[in-house]
Protein backbone atom coordinates (compact mmCIF):
# COMPACT_ATOMS: atom_id res chain seq x y z
CA MET A 1 37.85 146.58 176.48
CA SER A 2 37.12 143.93 173.90
CA SER A 3 39.39 145.68 171.41
CA ALA A 4 42.32 145.10 173.78
CA LEU A 5 41.87 141.32 173.73
CA ARG A 6 44.27 139.63 171.38
CA PRO A 7 46.43 136.52 171.03
CA PRO A 8 50.21 136.81 171.37
CA ALA A 9 52.22 137.71 168.27
CA ARG A 10 49.06 138.61 166.38
CA ARG A 11 50.78 141.29 164.27
CA THR A 12 53.11 139.06 162.29
CA GLY A 13 53.97 141.95 159.99
CA LEU A 14 55.68 143.74 162.89
CA TRP A 15 57.87 140.71 163.54
CA ILE A 16 58.84 140.55 159.88
CA THR A 17 59.59 144.27 159.95
CA GLY A 18 61.82 143.70 162.96
CA LEU A 19 63.73 141.03 161.05
CA LEU A 20 64.19 143.39 158.11
CA VAL A 21 65.42 146.16 160.41
CA CYS A 22 68.00 143.80 161.95
CA GLY A 23 69.15 142.81 158.47
CA VAL A 24 69.44 146.41 157.27
CA LEU A 25 71.35 147.47 160.38
CA PHE A 26 73.68 144.47 160.03
CA LEU A 27 74.43 145.39 156.42
CA ALA A 28 74.97 149.03 157.42
CA VAL A 29 77.46 148.03 160.13
CA TYR A 30 79.30 145.72 157.73
CA GLU A 31 79.34 148.12 154.80
CA TYR A 32 80.66 151.02 156.88
CA PHE A 33 83.07 149.42 159.33
CA VAL A 34 84.44 146.81 156.92
CA ARG A 35 84.08 148.15 153.39
CA THR A 36 84.93 151.84 153.86
CA GLU A 37 88.28 153.40 154.73
CA SER A 38 86.87 155.60 157.50
CA GLY A 39 85.04 152.68 159.11
CA GLN A 40 88.08 150.43 159.05
CA PHE A 41 90.19 153.27 160.40
CA LEU A 42 87.87 153.88 163.38
CA ASP A 43 87.61 150.18 164.18
CA ASN A 44 91.33 149.60 164.00
CA VAL A 45 92.31 152.63 166.08
CA MET A 46 90.04 151.45 168.86
CA ARG A 47 91.39 147.93 168.67
CA LEU A 48 94.98 149.18 168.70
CA THR A 49 94.38 150.97 171.98
CA ALA A 50 92.84 147.79 173.41
CA ASP A 51 96.03 145.98 172.45
CA HIS A 52 98.10 148.70 174.12
CA PHE A 53 96.40 149.41 177.46
CA ASN A 54 96.18 147.00 180.37
CA HIS A 55 93.07 146.35 182.46
CA PRO A 56 92.43 144.80 185.90
CA LEU A 57 90.39 141.81 184.66
CA PRO A 58 91.90 138.34 184.23
CA GLU A 59 93.58 137.80 180.88
CA LEU A 60 91.66 135.57 178.46
CA ASN A 61 93.61 132.87 176.69
CA PRO A 62 92.30 132.41 173.12
CA ASN A 63 93.26 128.74 173.27
CA ASN A 64 91.22 128.13 176.41
CA LYS A 65 88.10 126.27 175.27
CA TRP A 66 86.55 126.66 178.72
CA ILE A 67 85.84 130.32 178.05
CA ALA A 68 82.80 129.36 175.96
CA VAL A 69 81.63 127.15 178.85
CA PHE A 70 81.91 130.09 181.26
CA MET A 71 79.79 132.16 178.86
CA VAL A 72 77.09 129.52 178.57
CA LEU A 73 76.88 127.94 182.01
CA PRO A 74 75.20 130.62 184.22
CA PRO A 75 72.43 131.47 181.72
CA ALA A 76 72.05 127.78 180.90
CA VAL A 77 71.35 126.97 184.56
CA ILE A 78 68.65 129.67 184.72
CA PHE A 79 67.27 128.43 181.40
CA ALA A 80 67.06 124.83 182.64
CA VAL A 81 65.36 125.87 185.88
CA ILE A 82 62.68 127.83 184.02
CA VAL A 83 62.05 125.13 181.43
CA LEU A 84 61.89 122.26 183.94
CA ALA A 85 59.99 124.10 186.68
CA ARG A 86 57.40 125.54 184.27
CA ARG A 87 57.42 122.51 181.93
CA LYS A 88 58.08 124.75 178.94
CA TYR A 89 59.59 121.96 176.90
CA LEU A 90 58.45 123.17 173.50
CA ALA A 91 59.53 126.74 174.22
CA GLY A 92 62.84 125.44 175.50
CA LEU A 93 63.38 123.44 172.33
CA ILE A 94 62.64 126.49 170.17
CA ALA A 95 64.95 128.66 172.28
CA VAL A 96 67.77 126.13 171.92
CA GLY A 97 67.14 126.23 168.19
CA THR A 98 67.62 130.01 168.19
CA VAL A 99 70.95 129.60 170.00
CA LEU A 100 72.15 127.08 167.43
CA ALA A 101 70.86 129.13 164.50
CA SER A 102 72.52 132.30 165.82
CA ASN A 103 75.90 130.66 166.23
CA ILE A 104 75.78 128.75 162.96
CA SER A 105 74.75 131.93 161.13
CA THR A 106 77.64 133.84 162.67
CA GLN A 107 80.17 131.25 161.53
CA VAL A 108 78.68 131.07 158.02
CA LEU A 109 78.64 134.87 157.70
CA LYS A 110 82.14 135.29 159.07
CA TYR A 111 83.92 132.55 157.16
CA GLY A 112 81.68 131.78 154.23
CA MET A 113 80.03 134.99 153.05
CA LEU A 114 81.74 138.15 154.29
CA ASP A 115 85.23 139.32 153.47
CA ARG A 116 87.41 142.14 154.82
CA PRO A 117 89.34 144.06 152.16
CA ASP A 118 92.48 145.84 153.38
CA LEU A 119 91.64 149.49 152.70
CA VAL A 120 93.89 151.31 155.17
CA GLY A 121 97.09 149.27 155.19
CA ASN A 122 96.50 147.31 158.39
CA PRO A 123 98.99 144.94 160.01
CA THR A 124 98.47 141.44 158.65
CA TYR A 125 96.86 140.08 161.81
CA TRP A 126 94.08 142.63 161.47
CA THR A 127 93.08 141.81 157.90
CA ASN A 128 91.11 138.60 158.49
CA ASN A 129 87.38 139.04 158.78
CA SER A 130 86.14 138.84 162.36
CA LEU A 131 82.58 140.12 161.96
CA PRO A 132 80.37 138.98 163.68
CA SER A 133 82.15 137.97 166.89
CA GLY A 134 81.59 134.28 167.56
CA HIS A 135 82.17 134.44 171.32
CA THR A 136 79.88 137.45 171.69
CA THR A 137 77.21 135.57 169.75
CA ILE A 138 77.53 132.69 172.21
CA ALA A 139 77.11 134.94 175.25
CA ALA A 140 74.25 136.98 173.79
CA SER A 141 72.35 134.01 172.35
CA VAL A 142 72.18 132.05 175.61
CA ALA A 143 70.98 135.21 177.37
CA VAL A 144 68.26 135.64 174.74
CA ALA A 145 67.26 131.98 175.20
CA VAL A 146 66.51 132.73 178.87
CA PHE A 147 64.56 135.82 177.79
CA LEU A 148 62.45 133.77 175.37
CA VAL A 149 61.34 131.07 177.84
CA ALA A 150 60.68 133.51 180.69
CA SER A 151 57.17 134.52 181.70
CA PRO A 152 55.85 137.93 180.60
CA GLN A 153 56.31 139.11 184.18
CA ALA A 154 59.97 138.08 184.43
CA ARG A 155 60.96 138.87 180.86
CA PRO A 156 61.72 142.62 181.31
CA GLY A 157 64.14 142.10 184.19
CA LEU A 158 65.84 139.20 182.46
CA GLY A 159 66.17 141.36 179.36
CA VAL A 160 68.27 143.86 181.31
CA LEU A 161 70.38 141.08 182.79
CA GLY A 162 70.81 139.62 179.31
CA ALA A 163 72.16 142.96 178.08
CA VAL A 164 74.58 143.04 181.00
CA TRP A 165 75.73 139.50 180.21
CA GLY A 166 76.03 139.81 176.43
CA GLY A 167 77.32 143.38 176.45
CA GLY A 168 79.67 142.67 179.33
CA TRP A 169 81.30 139.80 177.48
CA GLY A 170 81.47 141.90 174.32
CA ALA A 171 83.29 144.67 176.18
CA TYR A 172 85.56 142.10 177.86
CA LEU A 173 86.55 140.64 174.50
CA PHE A 174 87.25 144.12 173.17
CA ILE A 175 89.57 145.19 175.98
CA GLU A 176 91.32 141.85 175.50
CA ALA A 177 91.86 142.94 171.86
CA TRP A 178 90.08 139.88 170.48
CA HIS A 179 87.66 141.86 168.33
CA ARG A 180 86.75 145.23 166.91
CA PRO A 181 83.65 147.02 168.30
CA SER A 182 81.74 146.46 165.05
CA ASP A 183 82.15 142.70 165.51
CA MET A 184 80.16 142.86 168.75
CA ILE A 185 77.43 145.08 167.31
CA ALA A 186 77.00 142.69 164.38
CA ALA A 187 76.77 139.74 166.79
CA TYR A 188 73.98 141.47 168.74
CA LEU A 189 72.04 141.99 165.51
CA VAL A 190 72.39 138.35 164.44
CA VAL A 191 71.13 137.18 167.83
CA ALA A 192 68.31 139.74 167.79
CA ALA A 193 67.11 138.53 164.39
CA TRP A 194 66.97 134.90 165.47
CA GLY A 195 65.44 135.97 168.78
CA LEU A 196 62.54 137.45 166.83
CA VAL A 197 62.08 134.21 164.92
CA GLY A 198 62.18 132.14 168.11
CA GLY A 199 59.95 134.59 169.95
CA TRP A 200 57.24 134.50 167.28
CA LEU A 201 57.27 130.70 167.27
CA ILE A 202 57.09 130.49 171.06
CA PHE A 203 54.29 133.05 171.24
CA ARG A 204 52.29 131.13 168.65
CA CYS A 205 53.03 127.63 169.99
CA GLU A 206 52.49 128.48 173.67
CA PRO A 207 49.91 131.30 173.69
CA ARG A 208 48.71 130.62 177.25
CA ASN A 209 52.18 131.14 178.72
CA ASN A 210 52.53 134.40 176.83
CA THR A 211 49.15 135.99 177.49
CA VAL A 212 48.45 138.38 180.37
CA ILE A 213 45.24 139.64 181.92
CA ALA A 214 44.07 142.90 180.35
CA GLY A 215 44.51 145.78 182.76
CA GLU A 216 47.06 143.88 184.84
CA GLU A 217 49.92 143.78 182.37
CA PRO A 218 53.40 143.48 183.92
CA GLY A 219 55.23 146.76 183.90
CA VAL A 220 57.96 146.90 181.28
CA ALA A 221 58.66 150.61 181.71
CA PRO A 222 61.30 150.37 184.50
CA ALA A 223 63.41 147.73 182.75
CA ALA A 224 62.93 149.21 179.29
CA GLY A 225 63.59 152.72 180.57
CA LEU A 226 66.81 151.65 182.26
CA SER A 227 67.94 149.88 179.09
CA TRP A 228 67.10 152.87 176.90
CA PHE A 229 68.90 155.22 179.29
CA LEU A 230 72.06 153.12 179.48
CA GLY A 231 72.06 152.37 175.77
CA ILE A 232 71.70 156.00 174.74
CA VAL A 233 74.14 157.38 177.33
CA LEU A 234 76.81 154.78 176.60
CA SER A 235 76.47 155.16 172.83
CA ILE A 236 76.61 158.96 172.98
CA GLY A 237 79.52 158.66 175.39
CA ALA A 238 81.40 156.61 172.81
CA VAL A 239 80.95 159.32 170.19
CA LEU A 240 82.05 162.01 172.65
CA CYS A 241 85.17 160.02 173.50
CA LEU A 242 86.12 159.91 169.82
CA ILE A 243 85.67 163.70 169.71
CA PHE A 244 87.70 164.17 172.88
CA ALA A 245 90.45 162.10 171.27
CA GLY A 246 90.98 165.00 168.87
CA GLY A 247 88.80 163.99 165.95
CA TRP A 248 90.33 162.33 162.90
CA SER A 249 93.75 163.90 163.43
CA GLY A 250 93.84 162.86 167.07
CA LEU A 251 92.75 159.32 166.20
CA ALA A 252 95.44 159.13 163.54
CA ALA A 253 98.01 160.20 166.12
CA SER A 254 96.77 157.36 168.36
CA LEU A 255 98.14 154.85 165.86
CA ASP A 256 101.66 155.81 166.96
CA ASP A 257 100.90 157.11 170.44
CA PRO A 258 97.73 155.34 171.69
CA SER A 259 95.28 157.52 173.58
CA LEU A 260 92.91 156.32 176.28
CA TRP A 261 89.93 158.01 174.63
CA PRO A 262 89.54 155.53 171.74
CA TRP A 263 89.90 152.68 174.23
CA ILE A 264 86.99 154.04 176.27
CA ALA A 265 85.00 154.68 173.08
CA GLY A 266 85.46 151.09 171.93
CA THR A 267 84.41 149.73 175.30
CA LEU A 268 81.27 151.88 175.34
CA LEU A 269 80.42 150.87 171.75
CA CYS A 270 80.40 147.26 172.88
CA LEU A 271 78.01 148.04 175.75
CA GLY A 272 75.63 150.70 174.43
CA PRO A 273 74.17 148.76 171.47
CA ALA A 274 73.61 145.72 173.71
CA PHE A 275 71.35 147.78 175.99
CA LEU A 276 69.60 149.42 173.04
CA THR A 277 68.85 145.99 171.59
CA ALA A 278 67.51 144.86 174.97
CA ALA A 279 65.35 147.98 175.27
CA VAL A 280 63.70 147.32 171.90
CA GLY A 281 63.20 143.65 172.78
CA ILE A 282 61.64 144.39 176.17
CA ASN A 283 59.19 146.91 174.70
CA PHE A 284 58.36 144.78 171.67
CA PHE A 285 57.80 141.49 173.49
CA GLY A 286 55.75 143.29 176.13
CA ALA A 287 53.53 144.87 173.49
CA GLU A 288 53.14 141.62 171.54
CA ALA A 289 52.15 139.50 174.55
CA GLY A 290 48.52 138.35 174.38
CA ARG A 291 45.70 139.98 176.32
CA ARG A 292 42.62 138.33 177.85
CA MET A 293 39.94 139.10 180.39
CA ARG A 294 40.19 137.47 183.81
CA GLY A 295 38.55 134.05 183.69
CA ALA A 296 38.35 134.08 179.89
CA ASP A 297 40.21 131.72 177.62
CA VAL A 298 43.17 132.79 175.50
CA PRO A 299 41.98 134.42 172.26
CA ALA A 300 42.53 132.31 169.15
CA PRO A 301 45.29 133.52 166.80
CA LYS A 302 42.79 134.07 163.97
CA GLY A 303 40.01 135.31 166.21
CA ALA A 304 36.72 133.69 167.11
CA ARG A 305 34.60 132.27 164.31
CA ILE A 306 31.60 134.45 163.61
CA VAL A 307 28.30 132.58 163.03
CA TYR A 308 25.57 134.69 161.49
CA PRO A 309 21.92 133.75 162.29
CA ILE A 310 19.89 132.28 159.45
CA PRO A 311 16.59 134.11 158.74
CA PRO A 312 13.59 131.81 159.45
CA GLU A 313 12.21 132.27 155.94
CA LEU A 314 15.48 130.95 154.48
CA ARG A 315 16.13 128.09 156.90
CA GLU A 316 14.37 125.45 154.75
CA LEU A 317 16.37 126.53 151.73
CA TYR A 318 19.57 126.40 153.76
CA GLU A 319 18.83 122.88 155.02
CA ARG A 320 18.27 121.66 151.48
CA VAL A 321 21.67 122.86 150.48
């Protein structure tokens, strides 16, 4: 049992690996959907159908600044309750930092670093770079902030709700024709990367709040399993919808006569990756939470100091030194 005792976030290399994976996936999304003809074509066909078909939800006005408030307010209330009730002030400060870093990074990437070459002859209003989605970053980052300050017991369930919130807003923005599906996926990856940074800091700065009793770990399987199931099903469903649309020839025909299949595919692509990201986060944060025996103190990050006994015949020599 002693081998199971560990401080939270002990395996820093895994957190760094997670950051690298987020970065590689972000570059892959950008390079394919923005810098290749086939990627731009897929993205634009899906967005065209979103511009064509109506939906039953209220229309979003791009000039309405209150939309960002609606995205932030519900998670912010939950966040404030957790931080104030549990007195997690340091964790709350770090989580707020991840929200700010996520949104600043998105704006810098979108407007300062990434471009969108016109490879397929798009209409002019499609040529400006929109990756990552700023509004999706807002919605996802505040949901991740709640996830970060939650207890290990509540974190899995809040991870699922966070995917619903972030992915739901991403899908909403897509059917409103504000963004391409790749913009949402990129936003999830930016938030996930900063969530790892914030999570490692919180685990290291507040080890007691992120350590569970060995043998009584909170179950992450139901929440993670649900997220994996939804993420995989929705993502595969998106691919199937593109096939049902008639493949490349059918998608090309949708430019002149929009089909419902690409519209459904784009909506699912905004939802599936959000749940996949949540599934990875739930499993990873559950595995990296600290472990301790009941009644024992939280293990130190670098482990307990080992003191070797001094042989009696050498004690005098040791004291002289």
